[in-house]
Amino acid sequence: MNIVAAYGQHVKKRAERIFELANQLSGIHTASYFHHLRVEIKKMNAVLRMVKMCSDEFPRKRVWHPYKLLASTAGEVREIQLEEVAMKKLKHNLFAEKYLGDLRTQRLEKKKIYLQTKNQVKASLETRHLKILPYVEDINKINCTEYLNKLRSRCMEKMAVAKLSTSSIHQLRMLLKEFFYNIEVIQPDAKIAYKQINQLQDLIGKWHDYIVILRHLDNFKRHNKLGTRQLEQIRNIMSGFSARTSLLRQRINKKKNNGISELIQMNLH
């Protein structure tokens, strides 16, 4: 399959899957649902960036807008769901039990906003791919390889640092997603072929989940009047999650060296 056909097929598949998920009944909007929806939208975004690089005339921001709205509101629900799962594991903790009630209220509010957004953009999603496909024709092997090489170089530049900072891990996370979502278009077996990079992405994903939880807990602590006992409990919980992020950061810094070797050996042609 040539590169234009591969990207054209990919755009259609992503668009159909996103539209299908957007049409599912609200009663089955589980944590898995929001996760899959966001992955599909991220894959579409990575392709849209490739298309824009190959075609200056492609109106990326306009085409991306409904997907962006859907991803943003779905992401807010997804973050709370992740936090609920983590809190439920903290048994016999009075603050965690109280906090879970607050999270449930937040989740219902955020889900309501998501449903409103979904209803606003749903009609525009059905034929969204038709606004993309004409520009996919501008993709060729030369500019695709050039773009992937630039992304690979940026990933390797980030990974070459001895110890990654929090901001560097965030940046690497986004770069690796964009790079590999495009690689998967032209190399469908990429997840199997590049095990070290996929393991690195999994570690970074887990690290990011804990960073999100810590941010939410810190916001709750700063914006609510808590008693001495509650403050002690929330600090203990945050300390536990901080320890996990530190451990994951150490594993990320070790794994990235194997990732660099795998990136160097990759054939992008």
C-alpha atoms as a PDB file:
ATOM      1  CA  MET A   1       0.000   0.000   0.000  1.00  0.00           C
ATOM      2  CA  ASN A   2       1.430   3.390  -0.950  1.00  0.00           C
ATOM      3  CA  ILE A   3       1.705   6.183   1.597  1.00  0.00           C
ATOM      4  CA  VAL A   4      -1.266   8.232   0.356  1.00  0.00           C
ATOM      5  CA  ALA A   5      -3.528   5.182   0.471  1.00  0.00           C
ATOM      6  CA  ALA A   6      -2.253   4.272   3.955  1.00  0.00           C
ATOM      7  CA  TYR A   7      -2.957   7.735   5.342  1.00  0.00           C
ATOM      8  CA  GLY A   8      -6.282   7.962   3.544  1.00  0.00           C
ATOM      9  CA  GLN A   9      -7.400   4.646   5.023  1.00  0.00           C
ATOM     10  CA  HIS A  10      -6.147   5.700   8.451  1.00  0.00           C
ATOM     11  CA  VAL A  11      -8.065   9.006   8.363  1.00  0.00           C
ATOM     12  CA  LYS A  12     -11.295   7.231   7.400  1.00  0.00           C
ATOM     13  CA  LYS A  13     -10.861   4.614  10.113  1.00  0.00           C
ATOM     14  CA  ARG A  14     -10.115   7.176  12.832  1.00  0.00           C
ATOM     15  CA  ALA A  15     -13.007   9.422  11.768  1.00  0.00           C
ATOM     16  CA  GLU A  16     -15.453   6.503  11.689  1.00  0.00           C
ATOM     17  CA  ARG A  17     -14.321   5.237  15.086  1.00  0.00           C
ATOM     18  CA  ILE A  18     -14.561   8.684  16.720  1.00  0.00           C
ATOM     19  CA  PHE A  19     -18.046   9.214  15.249  1.00  0.00           C
ATOM     20  CA  GLU A  20     -19.088   5.744  16.424  1.00  0.00           C
ATOM     21  CA  LEU A  21     -17.890   6.458  19.975  1.00  0.00           C
ATOM     22  CA  ALA A  22     -19.561   9.876  19.980  1.00  0.00           C
ATOM     23  CA  ASN A  23     -22.858   8.180  19.137  1.00  0.00           C
ATOM     24  CA  GLN A  24     -22.761   5.664  21.954  1.00  0.00           C
ATOM     25  CA  LEU A  25     -25.390   6.013  24.651  1.00  0.00           C
ATOM     26  CA  SER A  26     -24.318   7.875  27.783  1.00  0.00           C
ATOM     27  CA  GLY A  27     -25.096   4.867  29.982  1.00  0.00           C
ATOM     28  CA  ILE A  28     -22.008   3.022  28.700  1.00  0.00           C
ATOM     29  CA  HIS A  29     -19.554   5.894  29.131  1.00  0.00           C
ATOM     30  CA  THR A  30     -17.113   3.932  31.280  1.00  0.00           C
ATOM     31  CA  ALA A  31     -13.461   4.723  32.017  1.00  0.00           C
ATOM     32  CA  SER A  32     -12.549   2.467  29.092  1.00  0.00           C
ATOM     33  CA  TYR A  33     -14.870   4.443  26.817  1.00  0.00           C
ATOM     34  CA  PHE A  34     -13.196   7.773  27.581  1.00  0.00           C
ATOM     35  CA  HIS A  35      -9.747   6.229  27.257  1.00  0.00           C
ATOM     36  CA  HIS A  36     -10.478   4.775  23.813  1.00  0.00           C
ATOM     37  CA  LEU A  37     -12.103   7.991  22.612  1.00  0.00           C
ATOM     38  CA  ARG A  38      -9.088  10.076  23.610  1.00  0.00           C
ATOM     39  CA  VAL A  39      -6.644   7.637  22.002  1.00  0.00           C
ATOM     40  CA  GLU A  40      -8.577   7.772  18.731  1.00  0.00           C
ATOM     41  CA  ILE A  41      -8.634  11.576  18.778  1.00  0.00           C
ATOM     42  CA  LYS A  42      -4.901  11.741  19.586  1.00  0.00           C
ATOM     43  CA  LYS A  43      -4.193   9.463  16.646  1.00  0.00           C
ATOM     44  CA  MET A  44      -6.233  11.738  14.409  1.00  0.00           C
ATOM     45  CA  ASN A  45      -4.387  14.799  15.720  1.00  0.00           C
ATOM     46  CA  ALA A  46      -1.004  13.222  14.933  1.00  0.00           C
ATOM     47  CA  VAL A  47      -2.114  12.590  11.354  1.00  0.00           C
ATOM     48  CA  LEU A  48      -3.507  16.113  10.979  1.00  0.00           C
ATOM     49  CA  ARG A  49      -0.117  17.488  11.971  1.00  0.00           C
ATOM     50  CA  MET A  50       1.513  15.370   9.293  1.00  0.00           C
ATOM     51  CA  VAL A  51      -1.003  16.579   6.700  1.00  0.00           C
ATOM     52  CA  LYS A  52      -0.401  20.203   7.666  1.00  0.00           C
ATOM     53  CA  MET A  53       3.336  19.748   7.302  1.00  0.00           C
ATOM     54  CA  CYS A  54       2.813  18.402   3.776  1.00  0.00           C
ATOM     55  CA  SER A  55       0.163  20.923   2.729  1.00  0.00           C
ATOM     56  CA  ASP A  56       0.332  24.572   3.790  1.00  0.00           C
ATOM     57  CA  GLU A  57      -3.224  25.077   2.530  1.00  0.00           C
ATOM     58  CA  PHE A  58      -4.720  22.508   4.876  1.00  0.00           C
ATOM     59  CA  PRO A  59      -6.976  24.350   7.407  1.00  0.00           C
ATOM     60  CA  ARG A  60      -5.848  22.215  10.325  1.00  0.00           C
ATOM     61  CA  LYS A  61      -7.164  24.382  13.161  1.00  0.00           C
ATOM     62  CA  ARG A  62     -10.658  24.535  11.695  1.00  0.00           C
ATOM     63  CA  VAL A  63     -10.793  20.811  10.965  1.00  0.00           C
ATOM     64  CA  TRP A  64      -9.322  19.950  14.376  1.00  0.00           C
ATOM     65  CA  HIS A  65     -11.658  22.218  16.392  1.00  0.00           C
ATOM     66  CA  PRO A  66     -14.571  19.770  17.107  1.00  0.00           C
ATOM     67  CA  TYR A  67     -12.131  16.965  17.869  1.00  0.00           C
ATOM     68  CA  LYS A  68     -10.259  19.275  20.244  1.00  0.00           C
ATOM     69  CA  LEU A  69     -13.453  20.203  22.110  1.00  0.00           C
ATOM     70  CA  LEU A  70     -14.427  16.545  22.444  1.00  0.00           C
ATOM     71  CA  ALA A  71     -10.946  15.493  23.609  1.00  0.00           C
ATOM     72  CA  SER A  72     -10.739  18.301  26.171  1.00  0.00           C
ATOM     73  CA  THR A  73     -14.071  17.605  27.859  1.00  0.00           C
ATOM     74  CA  ALA A  74     -13.573  13.813  27.704  1.00  0.00           C
ATOM     75  CA  GLY A  75     -10.131  14.268  29.235  1.00  0.00           C
ATOM     76  CA  GLU A  76     -11.541  16.052  32.267  1.00  0.00           C
ATOM     77  CA  VAL A  77     -13.854  13.117  32.950  1.00  0.00           C
ATOM     78  CA  ARG A  78     -11.076  10.608  32.341  1.00  0.00           C
ATOM     79  CA  GLU A  79      -8.721  12.297  34.822  1.00  0.00           C
ATOM     80  CA  ILE A  80     -11.328  12.124  37.586  1.00  0.00           C
ATOM     81  CA  GLN A  81     -12.032   8.464  36.795  1.00  0.00           C
ATOM     82  CA  LEU A  82      -8.329   7.644  37.156  1.00  0.00           C
ATOM     83  CA  GLU A  83      -8.243   9.437  40.475  1.00  0.00           C
ATOM     84  CA  GLU A  84     -11.296   7.530  41.711  1.00  0.00           C
ATOM     85  CA  VAL A  85      -9.599   4.216  40.907  1.00  0.00           C
ATOM     86  CA  ALA A  86      -6.473   5.254  42.825  1.00  0.00           C
ATOM     87  CA  MET A  87      -8.454   6.491  45.843  1.00  0.00           C
ATOM     88  CA  LYS A  88     -10.521   3.323  46.084  1.00  0.00           C
ATOM     89  CA  LYS A  89      -7.296   1.404  46.670  1.00  0.00           C
ATOM     90  CA  LEU A  90      -6.623   3.432  49.831  1.00  0.00           C
ATOM     91  CA  LYS A  91      -8.587   1.358  52.325  1.00  0.00           C
ATOM     92  CA  HIS A  92      -9.562   2.584  55.795  1.00  0.00           C
ATOM     93  CA  ASN A  93      -8.683   6.195  54.988  1.00  0.00           C
ATOM     94  CA  LEU A  94     -11.412   8.616  56.105  1.00  0.00           C
ATOM     95  CA  PHE A  95     -10.181  11.450  53.888  1.00  0.00           C
ATOM     96  CA  ALA A  96     -10.081   9.188  50.810  1.00  0.00           C
ATOM     97  CA  GLU A  97     -13.663   8.108  51.484  1.00  0.00           C
ATOM     98  CA  LYS A  98     -14.815  11.727  51.786  1.00  0.00           C
ATOM     99  CA  TYR A  99     -12.773  12.786  48.779  1.00  0.00           C
ATOM    100  CA  LEU A 100     -14.342  10.041  46.662  1.00  0.00           C
ATOM    101  CA  GLY A 101     -17.725  11.643  47.246  1.00  0.00           C
ATOM    102  CA  ASP A 102     -16.352  14.964  46.034  1.00  0.00           C
ATOM    103  CA  LEU A 103     -14.821  13.282  42.983  1.00  0.00           C
ATOM    104  CA  ARG A 104     -18.131  11.650  42.101  1.00  0.00           C
ATOM    105  CA  THR A 105     -19.843  15.057  42.143  1.00  0.00           C
ATOM    106  CA  GLN A 106     -17.076  16.511  39.946  1.00  0.00           C
ATOM    107  CA  ARG A 107     -17.265  13.576  37.539  1.00  0.00           C
ATOM    108  CA  LEU A 108     -21.015  13.944  37.065  1.00  0.00           C
ATOM    109  CA  GLU A 109     -20.610  17.669  36.408  1.00  0.00           C
ATOM    110  CA  LYS A 110     -17.772  17.128  33.931  1.00  0.00           C
ATOM    111  CA  LYS A 111     -19.667  14.319  32.222  1.00  0.00           C
ATOM    112  CA  LYS A 112     -22.645  16.632  31.765  1.00  0.00           C
ATOM    113  CA  ILE A 113     -20.362  19.165  30.061  1.00  0.00           C
ATOM    114  CA  TYR A 114     -18.929  16.387  27.897  1.00  0.00           C
ATOM    115  CA  LEU A 115     -22.404  15.264  26.804  1.00  0.00           C
ATOM    116  CA  GLN A 116     -23.359  18.839  25.921  1.00  0.00           C
ATOM    117  CA  THR A 117     -20.168  19.243  23.895  1.00  0.00           C
ATOM    118  CA  LYS A 118     -20.670  15.898  22.188  1.00  0.00           C
ATOM    119  CA  ASN A 119     -24.175  16.853  21.119  1.00  0.00           C
ATOM    120  CA  GLN A 120     -22.886  20.161  19.741  1.00  0.00           C
ATOM    121  CA  VAL A 121     -20.139  18.657  17.578  1.00  0.00           C
ATOM    122  CA  LYS A 122     -21.529  15.195  16.769  1.00  0.00           C
ATOM    123  CA  ALA A 123     -23.163  16.171  13.468  1.00  0.00           C
ATOM    124  CA  SER A 124     -19.943  17.721  12.161  1.00  0.00           C
ATOM    125  CA  LEU A 125     -17.943  14.554  12.907  1.00  0.00           C
ATOM    126  CA  GLU A 126     -19.773  12.218  10.508  1.00  0.00           C
ATOM    127  CA  THR A 127     -18.249  13.725   7.351  1.00  0.00           C
ATOM    128  CA  ARG A 128     -15.168  15.316   8.907  1.00  0.00           C
ATOM    129  CA  HIS A 129     -12.819  13.026   7.002  1.00  0.00           C
ATOM    130  CA  LEU A 130     -14.048  14.497   3.708  1.00  0.00           C
ATOM    131  CA  LYS A 131     -12.420  17.790   4.722  1.00  0.00           C
ATOM    132  CA  ILE A 132      -9.104  16.009   5.285  1.00  0.00           C
ATOM    133  CA  LEU A 133      -8.785  13.482   2.453  1.00  0.00           C
ATOM    134  CA  PRO A 134      -8.140  15.975  -0.403  1.00  0.00           C
ATOM    135  CA  TYR A 135      -5.051  17.230   1.454  1.00  0.00           C
ATOM    136  CA  VAL A 136      -3.824  13.711   2.185  1.00  0.00           C
ATOM    137  CA  GLU A 137      -3.024  13.568  -1.528  1.00  0.00           C
ATOM    138  CA  ASP A 138      -0.154  15.999  -0.835  1.00  0.00           C
ATOM    139  CA  ILE A 139       1.654  13.490   1.379  1.00  0.00           C
ATOM    140  CA  ASN A 140       4.580  11.755  -0.299  1.00  0.00           C
ATOM    141  CA  LYS A 141       7.380   9.496   0.843  1.00  0.00           C
ATOM    142  CA  ILE A 142       9.972  12.275   0.876  1.00  0.00           C
ATOM    143  CA  ASN A 143       8.139  14.813   3.051  1.00  0.00           C
ATOM    144  CA  CYS A 144       6.718  12.082   5.301  1.00  0.00           C
ATOM    145  CA  THR A 145      10.191  10.672   5.968  1.00  0.00           C
ATOM    146  CA  GLU A 146      11.554  14.173   6.532  1.00  0.00           C
ATOM    147  CA  TYR A 147       8.850  14.921   9.114  1.00  0.00           C
ATOM    148  CA  LEU A 148       9.348  11.602  10.916  1.00  0.00           C
ATOM    149  CA  ASN A 149      13.098  12.167  11.019  1.00  0.00           C
ATOM    150  CA  LYS A 150      12.555  15.575  12.619  1.00  0.00           C
ATOM    151  CA  LEU A 151      10.247  14.063  15.229  1.00  0.00           C
ATOM    152  CA  ARG A 152      12.715  11.254  15.914  1.00  0.00           C
ATOM    153  CA  SER A 153      15.556  13.766  16.335  1.00  0.00           C
ATOM    154  CA  ARG A 154      13.484  15.807  18.796  1.00  0.00           C
ATOM    155  CA  CYS A 155      12.653  12.653  20.777  1.00  0.00           C
ATOM    156  CA  MET A 156      16.311  11.628  20.889  1.00  0.00           C
ATOM    157  CA  GLU A 157      17.351  15.135  21.915  1.00  0.00           C
ATOM    158  CA  LYS A 158      15.016  14.979  24.902  1.00  0.00           C
ATOM    159  CA  MET A 159      16.076  11.448  25.798  1.00  0.00           C
ATOM    160  CA  ALA A 160      19.799  12.259  25.614  1.00  0.00           C
ATOM    161  CA  VAL A 161      19.564  14.360  28.801  1.00  0.00           C
ATOM    162  CA  ALA A 162      21.038  12.460  31.771  1.00  0.00           C
ATOM    163  CA  LYS A 163      18.041  13.059  34.065  1.00  0.00           C
ATOM    164  CA  LEU A 164      14.732  14.196  32.642  1.00  0.00           C
ATOM    165  CA  SER A 165      12.905  17.039  34.396  1.00  0.00           C
ATOM    166  CA  THR A 166       9.132  17.028  34.844  1.00  0.00           C
ATOM    167  CA  SER A 167       8.635  19.403  31.910  1.00  0.00           C
ATOM    168  CA  SER A 168      10.996  17.326  29.730  1.00  0.00           C
ATOM    169  CA  ILE A 169       9.030  14.145  30.443  1.00  0.00           C
ATOM    170  CA  HIS A 170       5.803  15.942  29.507  1.00  0.00           C
ATOM    171  CA  GLN A 171       7.362  17.145  26.241  1.00  0.00           C
ATOM    172  CA  LEU A 172       8.815  13.711  25.471  1.00  0.00           C
ATOM    173  CA  ARG A 173       5.426  12.132  26.109  1.00  0.00           C
ATOM    174  CA  MET A 174       3.771  14.335  23.476  1.00  0.00           C
ATOM    175  CA  LEU A 175       6.590  13.915  20.948  1.00  0.00           C
ATOM    176  CA  LEU A 176       6.605  10.119  21.248  1.00  0.00           C
ATOM    177  CA  LYS A 177       2.844   9.959  20.780  1.00  0.00           C
ATOM    178  CA  GLU A 178       2.922  12.076  17.630  1.00  0.00           C
ATOM    179  CA  PHE A 179       5.895  10.140  16.268  1.00  0.00           C
ATOM    180  CA  PHE A 180       4.530   6.662  16.910  1.00  0.00           C
ATOM    181  CA  TYR A 181       0.953   7.364  15.889  1.00  0.00           C
ATOM    182  CA  ASN A 182       2.375   8.327  12.485  1.00  0.00           C
ATOM    183  CA  ILE A 183       4.788   5.383  12.422  1.00  0.00           C
ATOM    184  CA  GLU A 184       1.835   3.032  12.982  1.00  0.00           C
ATOM    185  CA  VAL A 185       0.210   4.332   9.799  1.00  0.00           C
ATOM    186  CA  ILE A 186       3.092   3.137   7.623  1.00  0.00           C
ATOM    187  CA  GLN A 187       4.305   0.308   9.874  1.00  0.00           C
ATOM    188  CA  PRO A 188       1.225  -1.458  11.357  1.00  0.00           C
ATOM    189  CA  ASP A 189       3.410  -3.801  13.428  1.00  0.00           C
ATOM    190  CA  ALA A 190       5.200  -0.913  15.197  1.00  0.00           C
ATOM    191  CA  LYS A 191       3.886  -1.840  18.657  1.00  0.00           C
ATOM    192  CA  ILE A 192       5.437  -5.277  18.349  1.00  0.00           C
ATOM    193  CA  ALA A 193       8.593  -4.162  16.576  1.00  0.00           C
ATOM    194  CA  TYR A 194       9.594  -1.387  18.968  1.00  0.00           C
ATOM    195  CA  LYS A 195       9.180  -2.892  22.413  1.00  0.00           C
ATOM    196  CA  GLN A 196      11.586  -0.596  24.289  1.00  0.00           C
ATOM    197  CA  ILE A 197       9.861   2.586  23.126  1.00  0.00           C
ATOM    198  CA  ASN A 198       6.431   1.172  23.888  1.00  0.00           C
ATOM    199  CA  GLN A 199       7.553   0.179  27.379  1.00  0.00           C
ATOM    200  CA  LEU A 200       8.960   3.682  27.856  1.00  0.00           C
ATOM    201  CA  GLN A 201       5.652   5.204  26.771  1.00  0.00           C
ATOM    202  CA  ASP A 202       3.785   2.972  29.228  1.00  0.00           C
ATOM    203  CA  LEU A 203       6.041   4.152  32.074  1.00  0.00           C
ATOM    204  CA  ILE A 204       5.575   7.784  31.092  1.00  0.00           C
ATOM    205  CA  GLY A 205       1.804   7.259  30.904  1.00  0.00           C
ATOM    206  CA  LYS A 206       1.694   5.863  34.458  1.00  0.00           C
ATOM    207  CA  TRP A 207       3.926   8.693  35.682  1.00  0.00           C
ATOM    208  CA  HIS A 208       1.601  11.239  34.063  1.00  0.00           C
ATOM    209  CA  ASP A 209      -1.454   9.705  35.754  1.00  0.00           C
ATOM    210  CA  TYR A 210       0.130  10.226  39.186  1.00  0.00           C
ATOM    211  CA  ILE A 211       1.144  13.784  38.276  1.00  0.00           C
ATOM    212  CA  VAL A 212      -2.497  14.530  37.426  1.00  0.00           C
ATOM    213  CA  ILE A 213      -3.710  13.019  40.709  1.00  0.00           C
ATOM    214  CA  LEU A 214      -1.182  15.053  42.698  1.00  0.00           C
ATOM    215  CA  ARG A 215      -2.252  18.244  40.937  1.00  0.00           C
ATOM    216  CA  HIS A 216      -5.914  17.592  41.746  1.00  0.00           C
ATOM    217  CA  LEU A 217      -5.152  16.789  45.383  1.00  0.00           C
ATOM    218  CA  ASP A 218      -3.068  19.938  45.732  1.00  0.00           C
ATOM    219  CA  ASN A 219      -5.889  22.037  44.269  1.00  0.00           C
ATOM    220  CA  PHE A 220      -8.358  20.444  46.669  1.00  0.00           C
ATOM    221  CA  LYS A 221      -6.048  21.113  49.631  1.00  0.00           C
ATOM    222  CA  ARG A 222      -5.567  24.764  48.679  1.00  0.00           C
ATOM    223  CA  HIS A 223      -9.203  25.562  47.949  1.00  0.00           C
ATOM    224  CA  ASN A 224     -10.939  23.808  50.843  1.00  0.00           C
ATOM    225  CA  LYS A 225     -10.925  24.414  54.598  1.00  0.00           C
ATOM    226  CA  LEU A 226      -9.571  21.224  56.116  1.00  0.00           C
ATOM    227  CA  GLY A 227      -9.045  20.213  59.715  1.00  0.00           C
ATOM    228  CA  THR A 228      -5.702  19.161  61.136  1.00  0.00           C
ATOM    229  CA  ARG A 229      -6.548  15.456  60.792  1.00  0.00           C
ATOM    230  CA  GLN A 230      -7.691  15.844  57.182  1.00  0.00           C
ATOM    231  CA  LEU A 231      -4.579  17.832  56.272  1.00  0.00           C
ATOM    232  CA  GLU A 232      -2.395  15.121  57.756  1.00  0.00           C
ATOM    233  CA  GLN A 233      -4.197  12.434  55.785  1.00  0.00           C
ATOM    234  CA  ILE A 234      -4.072  14.289  52.455  1.00  0.00           C
ATOM    235  CA  ARG A 235      -0.373  15.014  52.942  1.00  0.00           C
ATOM    236  CA  ASN A 236       0.269  11.332  53.616  1.00  0.00           C
ATOM    237  CA  ILE A 237      -1.659  10.375  50.491  1.00  0.00           C
ATOM    238  CA  MET A 238       0.249  12.927  48.405  1.00  0.00           C
ATOM    239  CA  SER A 239       3.519  11.700  49.864  1.00  0.00           C
ATOM    240  CA  GLY A 240       2.680   8.173  48.749  1.00  0.00           C
ATOM    241  CA  PHE A 241       1.843   9.261  45.197  1.00  0.00           C
ATOM    242  CA  SER A 242       4.976  11.462  45.075  1.00  0.00           C
ATOM    243  CA  ALA A 243       7.084   8.440  45.982  1.00  0.00           C
ATOM    244  CA  ARG A 244       5.525   6.506  43.101  1.00  0.00           C
ATOM    245  CA  THR A 245       6.250   9.313  40.630  1.00  0.00           C
ATOM    246  CA  SER A 246       9.868   9.404  41.819  1.00  0.00           C
ATOM    247  CA  LEU A 247      10.229   5.662  41.326  1.00  0.00           C
ATOM    248  CA  LEU A 248       8.682   5.878  37.860  1.00  0.00           C
ATOM    249  CA  ARG A 249      10.974   8.783  36.958  1.00  0.00           C
ATOM    250  CA  GLN A 250      13.980   6.603  37.855  1.00  0.00           C
ATOM    251  CA  ARG A 251      12.652   3.788  35.664  1.00  0.00           C
ATOM    252  CA  ILE A 252      11.986   6.243  32.823  1.00  0.00           C
ATOM    253  CA  ASN A 253      15.535   7.576  32.984  1.00  0.00           C
ATOM    254  CA  LYS A 254      16.911   4.031  32.782  1.00  0.00           C
ATOM    255  CA  LYS A 255      14.559   2.828  30.046  1.00  0.00           C
ATOM    256  CA  LYS A 256      15.135   5.859  27.785  1.00  0.00           C
ATOM    257  CA  ASN A 257      18.688   4.700  27.019  1.00  0.00           C
ATOM    258  CA  ASN A 258      17.313   1.514  25.449  1.00  0.00           C
ATOM    259  CA  GLY A 259      14.742   3.666  23.683  1.00  0.00           C
ATOM    260  CA  ILE A 260      17.446   5.805  22.072  1.00  0.00           C
ATOM    261  CA  SER A 261      19.143   2.703  20.663  1.00  0.00           C
ATOM    262  CA  GLU A 262      15.848   1.503  19.214  1.00  0.00           C
ATOM    263  CA  LEU A 263      15.123   4.903  17.648  1.00  0.00           C
ATOM    264  CA  ILE A 264      18.551   4.982  16.008  1.00  0.00           C
ATOM    265  CA  GLN A 265      17.990   1.564  14.440  1.00  0.00           C
ATOM    266  CA  MET A 266      14.533   2.397  13.082  1.00  0.00           C
ATOM    267  CA  ASN A 267      14.110   2.372   9.326  1.00  0.00           C
ATOM    268  CA  LEU A 268      11.842   5.251   8.312  1.00  0.00           C
ATOM    269  CA  HIS A 269      12.039   4.635   4.581  1.00  0.00           C
END
